Amino acid sequence: MKAVIETETGLSTLKVAIDFNQLVRDNFVEVCKAIAIRRNAFKELLTKMETDNGLNGSIIDVIRKSYDESDAVENMCKELNFTLETAQYVINMPLSDLSDLNKTKLKRLMENHTEQIKRLLL
């Protein structure tokens, strides 16, 4: 892994060695939870998208009229019937990812996360 740090005098390079497998082993439960939460968020978004073609616009409208991040999460739960975890995940998505959401992409993401969970549990 390589990290680049910008300083006033220019760019510096900092090399960081991380054993990803050890990181996963040390934080196994948290890693599994994070993957499962994202998978469930993708599944919920996909289910809602199949019944509401304007879901992306609805999400953006809710975010725009909300006061702050926690208000947006609460409003998504109320107005769009999202679970708390899905609303929090959506709020943390970059706008480019949110605006690019479609059924095919969500299915692929959900399948990838399902495979990751299966590999971790073997």
PDB file of N, CA and C in Angstrom:
ATOM      1  N   MET A   1       0.856  -1.167   0.000  1.00  0.00           N
ATOM      2  CA  MET A   1       0.000   0.000   0.000  1.00  0.00           C
ATOM      3  C   MET A   1       0.901   1.227   0.000  1.00  0.00           C
ATOM      4  N   LYS A   2       0.483   2.249  -0.668  1.00  0.00           N
ATOM      5  CA  LYS A   2       1.266   3.478  -0.782  1.00  0.00           C
ATOM      6  C   LYS A   2       0.367   4.658  -0.447  1.00  0.00           C
ATOM      7  N   ALA A   3       0.869   5.522   0.415  1.00  0.00           N
ATOM      8  CA  ALA A   3       0.113   6.720   0.773  1.00  0.00           C
ATOM      9  C   ALA A   3       0.916   7.934   0.333  1.00  0.00           C
ATOM     10  N   VAL A   4       0.246   8.918  -0.196  1.00  0.00           N
ATOM     11  CA  VAL A   4       0.913  10.142  -0.622  1.00  0.00           C
ATOM     12  C   VAL A   4       0.459  11.271   0.299  1.00  0.00           C
ATOM     13  N   ILE A   5       1.407  11.975   0.831  1.00  0.00           N
ATOM     14  CA  ILE A   5       1.112  13.070   1.745  1.00  0.00           C
ATOM     15  C   ILE A   5       1.560  14.369   1.087  1.00  0.00           C
ATOM     16  N   GLU A   6       0.654  15.315   1.001  1.00  0.00           N
ATOM     17  CA  GLU A   6       0.997  16.610   0.412  1.00  0.00           C
ATOM     18  C   GLU A   6       1.437  17.557   1.516  1.00  0.00           C
ATOM     19  N   THR A   7       2.588  18.161   1.336  1.00  0.00           N
ATOM     20  CA  THR A   7       3.094  19.120   2.307  1.00  0.00           C
ATOM     21  C   THR A   7       3.239  20.468   1.613  1.00  0.00           C
ATOM     22  N   GLU A   8       3.588  21.477   2.377  1.00  0.00           N
ATOM     23  CA  GLU A   8       3.765  22.804   1.785  1.00  0.00           C
ATOM     24  C   GLU A   8       4.921  22.831   0.797  1.00  0.00           C
ATOM     25  N   THR A   9       5.906  21.987   1.006  1.00  0.00           N
ATOM     26  CA  THR A   9       7.086  21.986   0.139  1.00  0.00           C
ATOM     27  C   THR A   9       6.947  21.046  -1.042  1.00  0.00           C
ATOM     28  N   GLY A  10       5.879  20.297  -1.127  1.00  0.00           N
ATOM     29  CA  GLY A  10       5.684  19.379  -2.247  1.00  0.00           C
ATOM     30  C   GLY A  10       5.074  18.078  -1.792  1.00  0.00           C
ATOM     31  N   LEU A  11       5.240  17.053  -2.602  1.00  0.00           N
ATOM     32  CA  LEU A  11       4.666  15.747  -2.282  1.00  0.00           C
ATOM     33  C   LEU A  11       5.709  14.863  -1.622  1.00  0.00           C
ATOM     34  N   SER A  12       5.293  14.114  -0.630  1.00  0.00           N
ATOM     35  CA  SER A  12       6.138  13.111   0.010  1.00  0.00           C
ATOM     36  C   SER A  12       5.446  11.775  -0.131  1.00  0.00           C
ATOM     37  N   THR A  13       6.204  10.717  -0.170  1.00  0.00           N
ATOM     38  CA  THR A  13       5.627   9.387  -0.270  1.00  0.00           C
ATOM     39  C   THR A  13       5.902   8.628   1.009  1.00  0.00           C
ATOM     40  N   LEU A  14       4.865   8.021   1.540  1.00  0.00           N
ATOM     41  CA  LEU A  14       4.972   7.225   2.742  1.00  0.00           C
ATOM     42  C   LEU A  14       4.530   5.821   2.391  1.00  0.00           C
ATOM     43  N   LYS A  15       5.387   4.852   2.598  1.00  0.00           N
ATOM     44  CA  LYS A  15       5.020   3.471   2.294  1.00  0.00           C
ATOM     45  C   LYS A  15       4.504   2.813   3.564  1.00  0.00           C
ATOM     46  N   VAL A  16       3.356   2.186   3.453  1.00  0.00           N
ATOM     47  CA  VAL A  16       2.736   1.530   4.589  1.00  0.00           C
ATOM     48  C   VAL A  16       2.507   0.078   4.215  1.00  0.00           C
ATOM     49  N   ALA A  17       3.033  -0.817   5.007  1.00  0.00           N
ATOM     50  CA  ALA A  17       2.839  -2.243   4.746  1.00  0.00           C
ATOM     51  C   ALA A  17       1.707  -2.744   5.629  1.00  0.00           C
ATOM     52  N   ILE A  18       0.687  -3.279   5.012  1.00  0.00           N
ATOM     53  CA  ILE A  18      -0.453  -3.809   5.756  1.00  0.00           C
ATOM     54  C   ILE A  18      -0.714  -5.224   5.275  1.00  0.00           C
ATOM     55  N   ASP A  19      -0.808  -6.118   6.217  1.00  0.00           N
ATOM     56  CA  ASP A  19      -1.188  -7.493   5.897  1.00  0.00           C
ATOM     57  C   ASP A  19      -2.713  -7.539   5.952  1.00  0.00           C
ATOM     58  N   PHE A  20      -3.335  -7.484   4.769  1.00  0.00           N
ATOM     59  CA  PHE A  20      -4.793  -7.412   4.699  1.00  0.00           C
ATOM     60  C   PHE A  20      -5.439  -8.635   5.351  1.00  0.00           C
ATOM     61  N   ASN A  21      -4.879  -9.812   5.121  1.00  0.00           N
ATOM     62  CA  ASN A  21      -5.454 -11.028   5.713  1.00  0.00           C
ATOM     63  C   ASN A  21      -5.419 -10.973   7.234  1.00  0.00           C
ATOM     64  N   GLN A  22      -4.335 -10.457   7.789  1.00  0.00           N
ATOM     65  CA  GLN A  22      -4.244 -10.327   9.250  1.00  0.00           C
ATOM     66  C   GLN A  22      -5.250  -9.302   9.759  1.00  0.00           C
ATOM     67  N   LEU A  23      -5.408  -8.234   9.015  1.00  0.00           N
ATOM     68  CA  LEU A  23      -6.385  -7.213   9.378  1.00  0.00           C
ATOM     69  C   LEU A  23      -7.791  -7.802   9.433  1.00  0.00           C
ATOM     70  N   VAL A  24      -8.127  -8.620   8.436  1.00  0.00           N
ATOM     71  CA  VAL A  24      -9.445  -9.267   8.409  1.00  0.00           C
ATOM     72  C   VAL A  24      -9.582 -10.230   9.584  1.00  0.00           C
ATOM     73  N   ARG A  25      -8.540 -11.031   9.850  1.00  0.00           N
ATOM     74  CA  ARG A  25      -8.603 -11.981  10.974  1.00  0.00           C
ATOM     75  C   ARG A  25      -8.793 -11.254  12.298  1.00  0.00           C
ATOM     76  N   ASP A  26      -8.079 -10.149  12.484  1.00  0.00           N
ATOM     77  CA  ASP A  26      -8.167  -9.405  13.743  1.00  0.00           C
ATOM     78  C   ASP A  26      -9.529  -8.742  13.934  1.00  0.00           C
ATOM     79  N   ASN A  27     -10.202  -8.448  12.843  1.00  0.00           N
ATOM     80  CA  ASN A  27     -11.479  -7.729  12.894  1.00  0.00           C
ATOM     81  C   ASN A  27     -12.578  -8.506  12.182  1.00  0.00           C
ATOM     82  N   PHE A  28     -12.546  -9.824  12.296  1.00  0.00           N
ATOM     83  CA  PHE A  28     -13.416 -10.702  11.516  1.00  0.00           C
ATOM     84  C   PHE A  28     -14.898 -10.366  11.675  1.00  0.00           C
ATOM     85  N   VAL A  29     -15.346 -10.225  12.892  1.00  0.00           N
ATOM     86  CA  VAL A  29     -16.774  -9.967  13.139  1.00  0.00           C
ATOM     87  C   VAL A  29     -17.190  -8.631  12.537  1.00  0.00           C
ATOM     88  N   GLU A  30     -16.373  -7.602  12.727  1.00  0.00           N
ATOM     89  CA  GLU A  30     -16.700  -6.280  12.195  1.00  0.00           C
ATOM     90  C   GLU A  30     -16.702  -6.277  10.672  1.00  0.00           C
ATOM     91  N   VAL A  31     -15.739  -6.992  10.072  1.00  0.00           N
ATOM     92  CA  VAL A  31     -15.686  -7.085   8.609  1.00  0.00           C
ATOM     93  C   VAL A  31     -16.938  -7.772   8.082  1.00  0.00           C
ATOM     94  N   CYS A  32     -17.319  -8.875   8.699  1.00  0.00           N
ATOM     95  CA  CYS A  32     -18.537  -9.593   8.270  1.00  0.00           C
ATOM     96  C   CYS A  32     -19.772  -8.718   8.419  1.00  0.00           C
ATOM     97  N   LYS A  33     -19.867  -7.990   9.526  1.00  0.00           N
ATOM     98  CA  LYS A  33     -21.014  -7.099   9.744  1.00  0.00           C
ATOM     99  C   LYS A  33     -21.076  -6.021   8.670  1.00  0.00           C
ATOM    100  N   ALA A  34     -19.932  -5.403   8.385  1.00  0.00           N
ATOM    101  CA  ALA A  34     -19.895  -4.317   7.399  1.00  0.00           C
ATOM    102  C   ALA A  34     -20.316  -4.822   6.023  1.00  0.00           C
ATOM    103  N   ILE A  35     -19.832  -5.985   5.641  1.00  0.00           N
ATOM    104  CA  ILE A  35     -20.190  -6.555   4.339  1.00  0.00           C
ATOM    105  C   ILE A  35     -21.673  -6.900   4.310  1.00  0.00           C
ATOM    106  N   ALA A  36     -22.174  -7.492   5.387  1.00  0.00           N
ATOM    107  CA  ALA A  36     -23.588  -7.868   5.445  1.00  0.00           C
ATOM    108  C   ALA A  36     -24.496  -6.638   5.410  1.00  0.00           C
ATOM    109  N   ILE A  37     -24.112  -5.577   6.102  1.00  0.00           N
ATOM    110  CA  ILE A  37     -24.911  -4.343   6.102  1.00  0.00           C
ATOM    111  C   ILE A  37     -24.982  -3.770   4.694  1.00  0.00           C
ATOM    112  N   ARG A  38     -23.835  -3.721   4.004  1.00  0.00           N
ATOM    113  CA  ARG A  38     -23.846  -3.210   2.628  1.00  0.00           C
ATOM    114  C   ARG A  38     -24.676  -4.099   1.724  1.00  0.00           C
ATOM    115  N   ARG A  39     -24.543  -5.420   1.861  1.00  0.00           N
ATOM    116  CA  ARG A  39     -25.319  -6.346   1.031  1.00  0.00           C
ATOM    117  C   ARG A  39     -26.810  -6.123   1.258  1.00  0.00           C
ATOM    118  N   ASN A  40     -27.218  -5.989   2.517  1.00  0.00           N
ATOM    119  CA  ASN A  40     -28.631  -5.759   2.827  1.00  0.00           C
ATOM    120  C   ASN A  40     -29.103  -4.408   2.294  1.00  0.00           C
ATOM    121  N   ALA A  41     -28.236  -3.401   2.337  1.00  0.00           N
ATOM    122  CA  ALA A  41     -28.591  -2.091   1.787  1.00  0.00           C
ATOM    123  C   ALA A  41     -28.805  -2.196   0.282  1.00  0.00           C
ATOM    124  N   PHE A  42     -27.904  -2.911  -0.404  1.00  0.00           N
ATOM    125  CA  PHE A  42     -28.067  -3.090  -1.852  1.00  0.00           C
ATOM    126  C   PHE A  42     -29.365  -3.830  -2.150  1.00  0.00           C
ATOM    127  N   LYS A  43     -29.651  -4.848  -1.354  1.00  0.00           N
ATOM    128  CA  LYS A  43     -30.871  -5.643  -1.568  1.00  0.00           C
ATOM    129  C   LYS A  43     -32.110  -4.771  -1.360  1.00  0.00           C
ATOM    130  N   GLU A  44     -32.105  -3.977  -0.300  1.00  0.00           N
ATOM    131  CA  GLU A  44     -33.256  -3.110  -0.034  1.00  0.00           C
ATOM    132  C   GLU A  44     -33.414  -2.065  -1.134  1.00  0.00           C
ATOM    133  N   LEU A  45     -32.315  -1.457  -1.554  1.00  0.00           N
ATOM    134  CA  LEU A  45     -32.384  -0.471  -2.634  1.00  0.00           C
ATOM    135  C   LEU A  45     -32.893  -1.099  -3.920  1.00  0.00           C
ATOM    136  N   LEU A  46     -32.414  -2.295  -4.233  1.00  0.00           N
ATOM    137  CA  LEU A  46     -32.852  -2.989  -5.439  1.00  0.00           C
ATOM    138  C   LEU A  46     -34.345  -3.282  -5.388  1.00  0.00           C
ATOM    139  N   THR A  47     -34.820  -3.760  -4.263  1.00  0.00           N
ATOM    140  CA  THR A  47     -36.249  -4.064  -4.101  1.00  0.00           C
ATOM    141  C   THR A  47     -37.092  -2.802  -4.285  1.00  0.00           C
ATOM    142  N   LYS A  48     -36.669  -1.715  -3.682  1.00  0.00           N
ATOM    143  CA  LYS A  48     -37.427  -0.461  -3.806  1.00  0.00           C
ATOM    144  C   LYS A  48     -37.328   0.113  -5.222  1.00  0.00           C
ATOM    145  N   MET A  49     -36.167  -0.067  -5.846  1.00  0.00           N
ATOM    146  CA  MET A  49     -35.973   0.450  -7.196  1.00  0.00           C
ATOM    147  C   MET A  49     -36.859  -0.289  -8.201  1.00  0.00           C
ATOM    148  N   GLU A  50     -37.134  -1.564  -7.934  1.00  0.00           N
ATOM    149  CA  GLU A  50     -37.979  -2.335  -8.841  1.00  0.00           C
ATOM    150  C   GLU A  50     -39.423  -1.843  -8.830  1.00  0.00           C
ATOM    151  N   THR A  51     -39.839  -1.199  -7.743  1.00  0.00           N
ATOM    152  CA  THR A  51     -41.206  -0.686  -7.676  1.00  0.00           C
ATOM    153  C   THR A  51     -41.283   0.823  -7.874  1.00  0.00           C
ATOM    154  N   ASP A  52     -40.135   1.507  -7.795  1.00  0.00           N
ATOM    155  CA  ASP A  52     -40.121   2.968  -7.917  1.00  0.00           C
ATOM    156  C   ASP A  52     -38.963   3.380  -8.814  1.00  0.00           C
ATOM    157  N   ASN A  53     -39.258   3.658 -10.083  1.00  0.00           N
ATOM    158  CA  ASN A  53     -38.210   4.044 -11.033  1.00  0.00           C
ATOM    159  C   ASN A  53     -37.577   5.392 -10.704  1.00  0.00           C
ATOM    160  N   GLY A  54     -38.263   6.213  -9.936  1.00  0.00           N
ATOM    161  CA  GLY A  54     -37.734   7.527  -9.582  1.00  0.00           C
ATOM    162  C   GLY A  54     -37.077   7.555  -8.215  1.00  0.00           C
ATOM    163  N   LEU A  55     -36.632   6.402  -7.727  1.00  0.00           N
ATOM    164  CA  LEU A  55     -36.084   6.322  -6.378  1.00  0.00           C
ATOM    165  C   LEU A  55     -34.875   7.245  -6.190  1.00  0.00           C
ATOM    166  N   ASN A  56     -33.982   7.275  -7.162  1.00  0.00           N
ATOM    167  CA  ASN A  56     -32.795   8.131  -7.026  1.00  0.00           C
ATOM    168  C   ASN A  56     -33.199   9.590  -6.811  1.00  0.00           C
ATOM    169  N   GLY A  57     -34.143  10.057  -7.584  1.00  0.00           N
ATOM    170  CA  GLY A  57     -34.623  11.434  -7.435  1.00  0.00           C
ATOM    171  C   GLY A  57     -35.275  11.662  -6.084  1.00  0.00           C
ATOM    172  N   SER A  58     -36.023  10.667  -5.618  1.00  0.00           N
ATOM    173  CA  SER A  58     -36.675  10.780  -4.302  1.00  0.00           C
ATOM    174  C   SER A  58     -35.641  10.873  -3.193  1.00  0.00           C
ATOM    175  N   ILE A  59     -34.583  10.073  -3.303  1.00  0.00           N
ATOM    176  CA  ILE A  59     -33.516  10.099  -2.294  1.00  0.00           C
ATOM    177  C   ILE A  59     -32.862  11.478  -2.275  1.00  0.00           C
ATOM    178  N   ILE A  60     -32.535  11.982  -3.447  1.00  0.00           N
ATOM    179  CA  ILE A  60     -31.879  13.290  -3.541  1.00  0.00           C
ATOM    180  C   ILE A  60     -32.793  14.391  -3.004  1.00  0.00           C
ATOM    181  N   ASP A  61     -34.091  14.310  -3.304  1.00  0.00           N
ATOM    182  CA  ASP A  61     -35.042  15.302  -2.780  1.00  0.00           C
ATOM    183  C   ASP A  61     -35.076  15.288  -1.254  1.00  0.00           C
ATOM    184  N   VAL A  62     -35.091  14.077  -0.671  1.00  0.00           N
ATOM    185  CA  VAL A  62     -35.112  13.962   0.795  1.00  0.00           C
ATOM    186  C   VAL A  62     -33.838  14.562   1.384  1.00  0.00           C
ATOM    187  N   ILE A  63     -32.701  14.274   0.771  1.00  0.00           N
ATOM    188  CA  ILE A  63     -31.426  14.806   1.270  1.00  0.00           C
ATOM    189  C   ILE A  63     -31.414  16.330   1.181  1.00  0.00           C
ATOM    190  N   ARG A  64     -31.880  16.867   0.065  1.00  0.00           N
ATOM    191  CA  ARG A  64     -31.875  18.331  -0.134  1.00  0.00           C
ATOM    192  C   ARG A  64     -32.716  19.062   0.902  1.00  0.00           C
ATOM    193  N   LYS A  65     -33.856  18.508   1.250  1.00  0.00           N
ATOM    194  CA  LYS A  65     -34.739  19.220   2.174  1.00  0.00           C
ATOM    195  C   LYS A  65     -34.425  18.936   3.648  1.00  0.00           C
ATOM    196  N   SER A  66     -33.429  18.100   3.894  1.00  0.00           N
ATOM    197  CA  SER A  66     -33.057  17.774   5.272  1.00  0.00           C
ATOM    198  C   SER A  66     -32.068  18.795   5.821  1.00  0.00           C
ATOM    199  N   TYR A  67     -32.123  18.967   7.116  1.00  0.00           N
ATOM    200  CA  TYR A  67     -31.278  19.956   7.793  1.00  0.00           C
ATOM    201  C   TYR A  67     -29.815  19.522   7.850  1.00  0.00           C
ATOM    202  N   ASP A  68     -29.588  18.261   8.209  1.00  0.00           N
ATOM    203  CA  ASP A  68     -28.237  17.740   8.312  1.00  0.00           C
ATOM    204  C   ASP A  68     -28.268  16.234   8.044  1.00  0.00           C
ATOM    205  N   GLU A  69     -27.131  15.586   8.252  1.00  0.00           N
ATOM    206  CA  GLU A  69     -27.018  14.158   7.941  1.00  0.00           C
ATOM    207  C   GLU A  69     -27.987  13.301   8.754  1.00  0.00           C
ATOM    208  N   SER A  70     -28.070  13.539  10.050  1.00  0.00           N
ATOM    209  CA  SER A  70     -28.960  12.721  10.881  1.00  0.00           C
ATOM    210  C   SER A  70     -30.427  12.966  10.523  1.00  0.00           C
ATOM    211  N   ASP A  71     -30.757  14.198  10.169  1.00  0.00           N
ATOM    212  CA  ASP A  71     -32.116  14.520   9.739  1.00  0.00           C
ATOM    213  C   ASP A  71     -32.430  13.804   8.417  1.00  0.00           C
ATOM    214  N   ALA A  72     -31.459  13.751   7.516  1.00  0.00           N
ATOM    215  CA  ALA A  72     -31.656  13.067   6.236  1.00  0.00           C
ATOM    216  C   ALA A  72     -31.877  11.570   6.446  1.00  0.00           C
ATOM    217  N   VAL A  73     -31.116  10.978   7.350  1.00  0.00           N
ATOM    218  CA  VAL A  73     -31.289   9.549   7.657  1.00  0.00           C
ATOM    219  C   VAL A  73     -32.694   9.319   8.203  1.00  0.00           C
ATOM    220  N   GLU A  74     -33.089  10.135   9.157  1.00  0.00           N
ATOM    221  CA  GLU A  74     -34.423  10.009   9.760  1.00  0.00           C
ATOM    222  C   GLU A  74     -35.522  10.191   8.709  1.00  0.00           C
ATOM    223  N   ASN A  75     -35.357  11.178   7.839  1.00  0.00           N
ATOM    224  CA  ASN A  75     -36.361  11.442   6.807  1.00  0.00           C
ATOM    225  C   ASN A  75     -36.442  10.302   5.794  1.00  0.00           C
ATOM    226  N   MET A  76     -35.305   9.712   5.454  1.00  0.00           N
ATOM    227  CA  MET A  76     -35.335   8.574   4.522  1.00  0.00           C
ATOM    228  C   MET A  76     -36.065   7.386   5.135  1.00  0.00           C
ATOM    229  N   CYS A  77     -35.853   7.185   6.419  1.00  0.00           N
ATOM    230  CA  CYS A  77     -36.558   6.099   7.098  1.00  0.00           C
ATOM    231  C   CYS A  77     -38.069   6.352   7.095  1.00  0.00           C
ATOM    232  N   LYS A  78     -38.473   7.604   7.358  1.00  0.00           N
ATOM    233  CA  LYS A  78     -39.892   7.952   7.413  1.00  0.00           C
ATOM    234  C   LYS A  78     -40.539   7.973   6.027  1.00  0.00           C
ATOM    235  N   GLU A  79     -39.921   8.712   5.112  1.00  0.00           N
ATOM    236  CA  GLU A  79     -40.563   8.971   3.823  1.00  0.00           C
ATOM    237  C   GLU A  79     -40.354   7.855   2.796  1.00  0.00           C
ATOM    238  N   LEU A  80     -39.208   7.184   2.857  1.00  0.00           N
ATOM    239  CA  LEU A  80     -38.917   6.153   1.857  1.00  0.00           C
ATOM    240  C   LEU A  80     -38.946   4.750   2.447  1.00  0.00           C
ATOM    241  N   ASN A  81     -39.265   4.667   3.742  1.00  0.00           N
ATOM    242  CA  ASN A  81     -39.344   3.385   4.447  1.00  0.00           C
ATOM    243  C   ASN A  81     -38.042   2.583   4.380  1.00  0.00           C
ATOM    244  N   PHE A  82     -36.907   3.271   4.470  1.00  0.00           N
ATOM    245  CA  PHE A  82     -35.613   2.596   4.519  1.00  0.00           C
ATOM    246  C   PHE A  82     -35.342   2.140   5.944  1.00  0.00           C
ATOM    247  N   THR A  83     -34.572   1.072   6.080  1.00  0.00           N
ATOM    248  CA  THR A  83     -34.076   0.718   7.404  1.00  0.00           C
ATOM    249  C   THR A  83     -33.008   1.744   7.774  1.00  0.00           C
ATOM    250  N   LEU A  84     -32.706   1.842   9.035  1.00  0.00           N
ATOM    251  CA  LEU A  84     -31.702   2.788   9.506  1.00  0.00           C
ATOM    252  C   LEU A  84     -30.350   2.531   8.828  1.00  0.00           C
ATOM    253  N   GLU A  85     -29.961   1.262   8.726  1.00  0.00           N
ATOM    254  CA  GLU A  85     -28.673   0.915   8.125  1.00  0.00           C
ATOM    255  C   GLU A  85     -28.609   1.322   6.656  1.00  0.00           C
ATOM    256  N   THR A  86     -29.689   1.091   5.916  1.00  0.00           N
ATOM    257  CA  THR A  86     -29.704   1.457   4.504  1.00  0.00           C
ATOM    258  C   THR A  86     -29.659   2.972   4.342  1.00  0.00           C
ATOM    259  N   ALA A  87     -30.427   3.683   5.147  1.00  0.00           N
ATOM    260  CA  ALA A  87     -30.421   5.146   5.070  1.00  0.00           C
ATOM    261  C   ALA A  87     -29.030   5.694   5.378  1.00  0.00           C
ATOM    262  N   GLN A  88     -28.372   5.152   6.388  1.00  0.00           N
ATOM    263  CA  GLN A  88     -27.021   5.607   6.719  1.00  0.00           C
ATOM    264  C   GLN A  88     -26.047   5.283   5.594  1.00  0.00           C
ATOM    265  N   TYR A  89     -26.199   4.121   4.993  1.00  0.00           N
ATOM    266  CA  TYR A  89     -25.321   3.753   3.887  1.00  0.00           C
ATOM    267  C   TYR A  89     -25.517   4.715   2.708  1.00  0.00           C
ATOM    268  N   VAL A  90     -26.767   4.997   2.380  1.00  0.00           N
ATOM    269  CA  VAL A  90     -27.062   5.887   1.254  1.00  0.00           C
ATOM    270  C   VAL A  90     -26.499   7.279   1.507  1.00  0.00           C
ATOM    271  N   ILE A  91     -26.645   7.777   2.725  1.00  0.00           N
ATOM    272  CA  ILE A  91     -26.140   9.108   3.071  1.00  0.00           C
ATOM    273  C   ILE A  91     -24.626   9.174   2.888  1.00  0.00           C
ATOM    274  N   ASN A  92     -23.944   8.099   3.147  1.00  0.00           N
ATOM    275  CA  ASN A  92     -22.482   8.089   3.047  1.00  0.00           C
ATOM    276  C   ASN A  92     -21.971   7.786   1.641  1.00  0.00           C
ATOM    277  N   MET A  93     -22.878   7.507   0.710  1.00  0.00           N
ATOM    278  CA  MET A  93     -22.456   7.247  -0.668  1.00  0.00           C
ATOM    279  C   MET A  93     -22.040   8.543  -1.348  1.00  0.00           C
ATOM    280  N   PRO A  94     -20.984   8.494  -2.170  1.00  0.00           N
ATOM    281  CA  PRO A  94     -20.669   9.673  -2.982  1.00  0.00           C
ATOM    282  C   PRO A  94     -21.824   9.948  -3.947  1.00  0.00           C
ATOM    283  N   LEU A  95     -22.065  11.215  -4.235  1.00  0.00           N
ATOM    284  CA  LEU A  95     -23.166  11.606  -5.113  1.00  0.00           C
ATOM    285  C   LEU A  95     -23.053  10.934  -6.477  1.00  0.00           C
ATOM    286  N   SER A  96     -21.835  10.781  -6.976  1.00  0.00           N
ATOM    287  CA  SER A  96     -21.657  10.144  -8.289  1.00  0.00           C
ATOM    288  C   SER A  96     -22.142   8.695  -8.260  1.00  0.00           C
ATOM    289  N   ASP A  97     -21.912   7.984  -7.146  1.00  0.00           N
ATOM    290  CA  ASP A  97     -22.400   6.604  -7.030  1.00  0.00           C
ATOM    291  C   ASP A  97     -23.913   6.569  -6.900  1.00  0.00           C
ATOM    292  N   LEU A  98     -24.447   7.494  -6.134  1.00  0.00           N
ATOM    293  CA  LEU A  98     -25.898   7.550  -5.932  1.00  0.00           C
ATOM    294  C   LEU A  98     -26.621   7.846  -7.237  1.00  0.00           C
ATOM    295  N   SER A  99     -26.126   8.806  -7.993  1.00  0.00           N
ATOM    296  CA  SER A  99     -26.800   9.176  -9.238  1.00  0.00           C
ATOM    297  C   SER A  99     -26.642   8.106 -10.312  1.00  0.00           C
ATOM    298  N   ASP A 100     -25.644   7.234 -10.154  1.00  0.00           N
ATOM    299  CA  ASP A 100     -25.373   6.186 -11.132  1.00  0.00           C
ATOM    300  C   ASP A 100     -26.023   4.848 -10.749  1.00  0.00           C
ATOM    301  N   LEU A 101     -26.780   4.822  -9.653  1.00  0.00           N
ATOM    302  CA  LEU A 101     -27.392   3.567  -9.212  1.00  0.00           C
ATOM    303  C   LEU A 101     -28.403   3.062 -10.236  1.00  0.00           C
ATOM    304  N   ASN A 102     -28.326   1.786 -10.526  1.00  0.00           N
ATOM    305  CA  ASN A 102     -29.318   1.154 -11.380  1.00  0.00           C
ATOM    306  C   ASN A 102     -29.460  -0.304 -10.948  1.00  0.00           C
ATOM    307  N   LYS A 103     -30.465  -0.969 -11.454  1.00  0.00           N
ATOM    308  CA  LYS A 103     -30.753  -2.337 -11.026  1.00  0.00           C
ATOM    309  C   LYS A 103     -29.600  -3.288 -11.299  1.00  0.00           C
ATOM    310  N   THR A 104     -28.987  -3.186 -12.470  1.00  0.00           N
ATOM    311  CA  THR A 104     -27.894  -4.087 -12.835  1.00  0.00           C
ATOM    312  C   THR A 104     -26.711  -3.907 -11.892  1.00  0.00           C
ATOM    313  N   LYS A 105     -26.363  -2.665 -11.614  1.00  0.00           N
ATOM    314  CA  LYS A 105     -25.238  -2.380 -10.729  1.00  0.00           C
ATOM    315  C   LYS A 105     -25.528  -2.880  -9.315  1.00  0.00           C
ATOM    316  N   LEU A 106     -26.733  -2.653  -8.819  1.00  0.00           N
ATOM    317  CA  LEU A 106     -27.091  -3.114  -7.478  1.00  0.00           C
ATOM    318  C   LEU A 106     -27.048  -4.630  -7.378  1.00  0.00           C
ATOM    319  N   LYS A 107     -27.544  -5.329  -8.405  1.00  0.00           N
ATOM    320  CA  LYS A 107     -27.489  -6.793  -8.396  1.00  0.00           C
ATOM    321  C   LYS A 107     -26.046  -7.273  -8.343  1.00  0.00           C
ATOM    322  N   ARG A 108     -25.182  -6.637  -9.136  1.00  0.00           N
ATOM    323  CA  ARG A 108     -23.773  -7.030  -9.162  1.00  0.00           C
ATOM    324  C   ARG A 108     -23.107  -6.777  -7.797  1.00  0.00           C
ATOM    325  N   LEU A 109     -23.364  -5.633  -7.213  1.00  0.00           N
ATOM    326  CA  LEU A 109     -22.796  -5.315  -5.904  1.00  0.00           C
ATOM    327  C   LEU A 109     -23.283  -6.284  -4.838  1.00  0.00           C
ATOM    328  N   MET A 110     -24.579  -6.593  -4.871  1.00  0.00           N
ATOM    329  CA  MET A 110     -25.158  -7.523  -3.907  1.00  0.00           C
ATOM    330  C   MET A 110     -24.527  -8.910  -4.052  1.00  0.00           C
ATOM    331  N   GLU A 111     -24.366  -9.376  -5.292  1.00  0.00           N
ATOM    332  CA  GLU A 111     -23.747 -10.675  -5.536  1.00  0.00           C
ATOM    333  C   GLU A 111     -22.291 -10.688  -5.078  1.00  0.00           C
ATOM    334  N   ASN A 112     -21.563  -9.612  -5.331  1.00  0.00           N
ATOM    335  CA  ASN A 112     -20.166  -9.530  -4.889  1.00  0.00           C
ATOM    336  C   ASN A 112     -20.063  -9.617  -3.372  1.00  0.00           C
ATOM    337  N   HIS A 113     -20.944  -8.916  -2.674  1.00  0.00           N
ATOM    338  CA  HIS A 113     -20.912  -8.944  -1.217  1.00  0.00           C
ATOM    339  C   HIS A 113     -21.337 -10.317  -0.687  1.00  0.00           C
ATOM    340  N   THR A 114     -22.279 -10.960  -1.359  1.00  0.00           N
ATOM    341  CA  THR A 114     -22.676 -12.307  -0.956  1.00  0.00           C
ATOM    342  C   THR A 114     -21.492 -13.262  -1.097  1.00  0.00           C
ATOM    343  N   GLU A 115     -20.754 -13.137  -2.180  1.00  0.00           N
ATOM    344  CA  GLU A 115     -19.572 -13.981  -2.395  1.00  0.00           C
ATOM    345  C   GLU A 115     -18.495 -13.693  -1.352  1.00  0.00           C
ATOM    346  N   GLN A 116     -18.310 -12.434  -1.008  1.00  0.00           N
ATOM    347  CA  GLN A 116     -17.322 -12.085   0.011  1.00  0.00           C
ATOM    348  C   GLN A 116     -17.683 -12.726   1.350  1.00  0.00           C
ATOM    349  N   ILE A 117     -18.955 -12.689   1.703  1.00  0.00           N
ATOM    350  CA  ILE A 117     -19.397 -13.306   2.969  1.00  0.00           C
ATOM    351  C   ILE A 117     -19.149 -14.804   2.917  1.00  0.00           C
ATOM    352  N   LYS A 118     -19.477 -15.452   1.814  1.00  0.00           N
ATOM    353  CA  LYS A 118     -19.263 -16.898   1.694  1.00  0.00           C
ATOM    354  C   LYS A 118     -17.789 -17.232   1.845  1.00  0.00           C
ATOM    355  N   ARG A 119     -16.910 -16.458   1.184  1.00  0.00           N
ATOM    356  CA  ARG A 119     -15.458 -16.721   1.287  1.00  0.00           C
ATOM    357  C   ARG A 119     -14.963 -16.546   2.701  1.00  0.00           C
ATOM    358  N   LEU A 120     -15.461 -15.526   3.401  1.00  0.00           N
ATOM    359  CA  LEU A 120     -15.029 -15.303   4.785  1.00  0.00           C
ATOM    360  C   LEU A 120     -15.466 -16.409   5.724  1.00  0.00           C
ATOM    361  N   LEU A 121     -16.632 -16.967   5.449  1.00  0.00           N
ATOM    362  CA  LEU A 121     -17.179 -17.982   6.343  1.00  0.00           C
ATOM    363  C   LEU A 121     -16.668 -19.385   6.072  1.00  0.00           C
ATOM    364  N   LEU A 122     -15.944 -19.582   4.980  1.00  0.00           N
ATOM    365  CA  LEU A 122     -15.386 -20.916   4.682  1.00  0.00           C
ATOM    366  C   LEU A 122     -14.162 -21.201   5.482  1.00  0.00           C
TER     367      LEU A 122
END
